[in-house]
N, C-alpha and C. Protein backbone atom coordinates (compact mmCIF):
# COMPACT_ATOMS: atom_id res chain seq x y z
N MET A 1 0.83 -1.14 -0.05
CA MET A 1 -0.03 0.00 0.00
C MET A 1 0.92 1.19 -0.04
N THR A 2 0.59 2.16 -0.89
CA THR A 2 1.45 3.31 -1.05
C THR A 2 0.73 4.46 -0.23
N ASP A 3 1.55 5.26 0.40
CA ASP A 3 1.02 6.43 1.11
C ASP A 3 1.04 7.54 0.27
N GLN A 4 -0.04 8.19 -0.14
CA GLN A 4 -0.10 9.34 -0.95
C GLN A 4 -0.81 10.39 -0.16
N ALA A 5 -0.29 11.62 -0.20
CA ALA A 5 -0.99 12.74 0.30
C ALA A 5 -2.32 12.95 -0.44
N PRO A 6 -3.34 13.33 0.33
CA PRO A 6 -4.61 13.59 -0.45
C PRO A 6 -4.47 14.77 -1.30
N LYS A 7 -5.08 14.69 -2.51
CA LYS A 7 -5.04 15.76 -3.48
C LYS A 7 -6.34 16.39 -3.35
N ARG A 8 -6.28 17.62 -2.68
CA ARG A 8 -7.54 18.36 -2.61
C ARG A 8 -7.39 19.51 -3.54
N PHE A 9 -8.57 19.82 -4.01
CA PHE A 9 -8.74 20.99 -4.92
C PHE A 9 -7.82 21.02 -6.17
N GLU A 10 -7.51 19.80 -6.67
CA GLU A 10 -6.74 19.70 -7.93
C GLU A 10 -7.37 20.44 -9.02
N ASP A 11 -8.61 20.37 -9.28
CA ASP A 11 -9.15 20.92 -10.53
C ASP A 11 -9.48 22.43 -10.31
N LEU A 12 -9.24 23.03 -9.12
CA LEU A 12 -9.43 24.53 -9.03
C LEU A 12 -8.38 25.28 -9.73
N PRO A 13 -8.71 26.49 -10.13
CA PRO A 13 -7.61 27.29 -10.58
C PRO A 13 -6.75 27.85 -9.51
N GLU A 14 -5.44 28.13 -9.86
CA GLU A 14 -4.43 28.51 -8.93
C GLU A 14 -4.83 29.70 -8.05
N GLU A 15 -5.60 30.70 -8.63
CA GLU A 15 -5.97 31.80 -7.83
C GLU A 15 -6.95 31.41 -6.76
N THR A 16 -7.90 30.55 -7.11
CA THR A 16 -8.84 30.05 -6.11
C THR A 16 -8.19 29.32 -5.05
N LYS A 17 -7.20 28.39 -5.38
CA LYS A 17 -6.50 27.68 -4.34
C LYS A 17 -5.68 28.57 -3.36
N ALA A 18 -5.09 29.56 -3.94
CA ALA A 18 -4.36 30.63 -3.13
C ALA A 18 -5.37 31.33 -2.18
N PHE A 19 -6.46 31.66 -2.75
CA PHE A 19 -7.45 32.35 -1.91
C PHE A 19 -7.93 31.44 -0.80
N LEU A 20 -8.27 30.16 -0.99
CA LEU A 20 -8.79 29.34 0.00
C LEU A 20 -7.72 29.03 1.09
N LEU A 21 -6.51 28.79 0.56
CA LEU A 21 -5.38 28.52 1.50
C LEU A 21 -4.99 29.75 2.42
N ALA A 22 -5.29 30.90 2.01
CA ALA A 22 -4.96 32.12 2.77
C ALA A 22 -6.11 32.51 3.75
N LEU A 23 -7.23 31.77 3.77
CA LEU A 23 -8.24 32.09 4.70
C LEU A 23 -8.01 31.81 6.13
N ARG A 24 -8.40 32.74 7.02
CA ARG A 24 -8.27 32.45 8.42
C ARG A 24 -9.51 31.73 8.88
N PRO A 25 -9.49 31.02 10.05
CA PRO A 25 -10.68 30.31 10.47
C PRO A 25 -11.94 31.18 10.65
N ASP A 26 -11.77 32.41 11.12
CA ASP A 26 -12.98 33.21 11.21
C ASP A 26 -13.49 33.60 9.91
N GLU A 27 -12.68 33.82 8.83
CA GLU A 27 -13.14 34.05 7.56
C GLU A 27 -13.89 32.86 6.91
N VAL A 28 -13.39 31.62 7.22
CA VAL A 28 -14.06 30.37 6.77
C VAL A 28 -15.49 30.36 7.38
N LYS A 29 -15.61 30.76 8.66
CA LYS A 29 -16.86 30.78 9.32
C LYS A 29 -17.77 31.73 8.70
N THR A 30 -17.20 32.97 8.39
CA THR A 30 -18.01 34.01 7.73
C THR A 30 -18.54 33.51 6.39
N LEU A 31 -17.62 32.82 5.63
CA LEU A 31 -18.10 32.26 4.29
C LEU A 31 -19.15 31.26 4.42
N ASP A 32 -19.00 30.46 5.42
CA ASP A 32 -20.04 29.36 5.72
C ASP A 32 -21.36 30.04 6.12
N ASP A 33 -21.40 31.00 6.93
CA ASP A 33 -22.58 31.78 7.32
C ASP A 33 -23.19 32.40 6.13
N GLY A 34 -22.39 32.93 5.17
CA GLY A 34 -22.92 33.52 4.04
C GLY A 34 -23.55 32.55 3.03
N ILE A 35 -23.01 31.41 2.90
CA ILE A 35 -23.59 30.37 2.19
C ILE A 35 -24.95 29.82 2.70
N ARG A 36 -24.96 29.68 4.03
CA ARG A 36 -26.19 29.38 4.62
C ARG A 36 -27.24 30.47 4.56
N LEU A 37 -26.87 31.70 4.60
CA LEU A 37 -27.73 32.81 4.37
C LEU A 37 -28.41 32.75 3.02
N VAL A 38 -27.54 32.55 1.93
CA VAL A 38 -28.00 32.47 0.65
C VAL A 38 -29.02 31.36 0.46
N ARG A 39 -28.76 30.16 1.00
CA ARG A 39 -29.71 29.10 0.90
C ARG A 39 -31.04 29.47 1.59
N SER A 40 -30.91 30.06 2.73
CA SER A 40 -32.14 30.43 3.50
C SER A 40 -32.97 31.47 2.65
N ILE A 41 -32.26 32.39 2.06
CA ILE A 41 -32.99 33.41 1.34
C ILE A 41 -33.69 32.67 0.16
N SER A 42 -32.97 31.77 -0.55
CA SER A 42 -33.44 31.09 -1.63
C SER A 42 -34.79 30.29 -1.32
N THR A 43 -34.67 29.57 -0.15
CA THR A 43 -35.81 28.83 0.32
C THR A 43 -37.02 29.75 0.59
N VAL A 44 -36.78 30.85 1.34
CA VAL A 44 -37.88 31.78 1.66
C VAL A 44 -38.49 32.38 0.41
N SER A 45 -37.59 32.75 -0.57
CA SER A 45 -38.19 33.46 -1.77
C SER A 45 -39.03 32.41 -2.54
N ALA A 46 -38.54 31.13 -2.56
CA ALA A 46 -39.52 30.10 -3.33
C ALA A 46 -40.76 29.96 -2.53
N PHE A 47 -40.75 29.96 -1.17
CA PHE A 47 -41.97 29.86 -0.44
C PHE A 47 -42.90 31.10 -0.66
N VAL A 48 -42.40 32.26 -0.69
CA VAL A 48 -43.19 33.44 -0.83
C VAL A 48 -43.73 33.51 -2.27
N LYS A 49 -42.88 33.01 -3.25
CA LYS A 49 -43.43 33.00 -4.62
C LYS A 49 -44.70 32.05 -4.69
N TRP A 50 -44.65 30.90 -4.05
CA TRP A 50 -45.80 30.05 -4.20
C TRP A 50 -46.98 30.60 -3.29
N ILE A 51 -46.73 31.28 -2.29
CA ILE A 51 -47.77 32.03 -1.53
C ILE A 51 -48.45 33.00 -2.40
N ILE A 52 -47.73 33.76 -3.09
CA ILE A 52 -48.25 34.84 -3.98
C ILE A 52 -49.06 34.15 -5.10
N VAL A 53 -48.55 33.11 -5.64
CA VAL A 53 -49.35 32.44 -6.74
C VAL A 53 -50.59 31.83 -6.21
N GLY A 54 -50.58 31.30 -4.99
CA GLY A 54 -51.70 30.70 -4.30
C GLY A 54 -52.79 31.76 -4.06
N ILE A 55 -52.39 32.91 -3.61
CA ILE A 55 -53.33 33.99 -3.29
C ILE A 55 -53.94 34.44 -4.56
N LEU A 56 -53.20 34.63 -5.61
CA LEU A 56 -53.72 35.02 -6.95
C LEU A 56 -54.71 34.01 -7.37
N GLY A 57 -54.36 32.72 -7.27
CA GLY A 57 -55.28 31.70 -7.77
C GLY A 57 -56.62 31.68 -6.97
N ILE A 58 -56.45 31.94 -5.63
CA ILE A 58 -57.70 31.94 -4.85
C ILE A 58 -58.60 33.14 -5.24
N ALA A 59 -57.90 34.30 -5.50
CA ALA A 59 -58.65 35.51 -5.84
C ALA A 59 -59.36 35.26 -7.20
N VAL A 60 -58.68 34.78 -8.16
CA VAL A 60 -59.30 34.48 -9.35
C VAL A 60 -60.41 33.46 -9.27
N GLY A 61 -60.16 32.37 -8.53
CA GLY A 61 -61.24 31.38 -8.24
C GLY A 61 -62.49 32.05 -7.61
N ILE A 62 -62.25 32.85 -6.60
CA ILE A 62 -63.48 33.62 -6.00
C ILE A 62 -64.27 34.29 -7.06
N ALA A 63 -63.48 35.08 -7.90
CA ALA A 63 -64.18 35.93 -8.84
C ALA A 63 -64.96 34.99 -9.87
N MET A 64 -64.46 33.93 -10.30
CA MET A 64 -65.09 32.98 -11.30
C MET A 64 -66.36 32.40 -10.48
N PHE A 65 -66.13 32.05 -9.17
CA PHE A 65 -67.23 31.45 -8.49
C PHE A 65 -68.37 32.42 -8.32
N GLY A 66 -68.05 33.70 -8.05
CA GLY A 66 -69.12 34.72 -7.80
C GLY A 66 -69.82 34.87 -9.17
N GLU A 67 -69.26 34.93 -10.31
CA GLU A 67 -69.84 35.06 -11.63
C GLU A 67 -70.75 33.93 -11.91
N SER A 68 -70.33 32.63 -11.58
CA SER A 68 -71.21 31.48 -11.78
C SER A 68 -72.39 31.57 -10.98
N ILE A 69 -72.34 31.98 -9.66
CA ILE A 69 -73.49 32.15 -8.81
C ILE A 69 -74.42 33.14 -9.35
N ALA A 70 -73.84 34.30 -9.88
CA ALA A 70 -74.73 35.36 -10.43
C ALA A 70 -75.53 34.77 -11.60
N LYS A 71 -74.82 33.88 -12.48
CA LYS A 71 -75.45 33.37 -13.59
C LYS A 71 -76.64 32.40 -13.15
N ILE A 72 -76.36 31.68 -12.18
CA ILE A 72 -77.35 30.68 -11.64
C ILE A 72 -78.56 31.45 -11.14
N VAL A 73 -78.28 32.47 -10.29
CA VAL A 73 -79.47 33.20 -9.65
C VAL A 73 -80.25 33.88 -10.80
N LYS A 74 -79.54 34.37 -11.91
CA LYS A 74 -80.19 34.95 -13.01
C LYS A 74 -81.20 33.99 -13.64
N TRP A 75 -80.91 32.71 -13.70
CA TRP A 75 -81.72 31.73 -14.35
C TRP A 75 -83.05 31.61 -13.65
N PHE A 76 -83.02 31.78 -12.30
CA PHE A 76 -84.23 31.59 -11.49
C PHE A 76 -84.99 32.88 -11.30
N ARG A 77 -84.49 33.87 -11.70
CA ARG A 77 -85.25 35.16 -11.50
C ARG A 77 -86.35 35.30 -12.57
N PRO A 78 -87.56 35.69 -12.13
CA PRO A 78 -88.58 35.86 -13.07
C PRO A 78 -88.24 37.14 -14.04
N THR A 79 -88.53 36.91 -15.25
CA THR A 79 -88.31 38.00 -16.27
C THR A 79 -89.68 38.65 -16.57
N GLY A 80 -89.68 39.84 -16.55
CA GLY A 80 -90.95 40.49 -16.97
C GLY A 80 -91.17 41.71 -16.50
């Protein structure tokens, strides 16, 4: 069995490797917090988008239902 050092970040550009190797632990934590923040914002924005779509759908459905009820009531009204 040969002992090889792990080859991490081989496919990254040299500039990126240098950037990552120069980070201090507090900067790594800040980057991690930033990544989690972006994920959270993405999740919340998707949720809000579907809430808005749902509210618009309900509003259109209520309008269509109201028009249908008005037509049915009109059938039973005496004309004259």
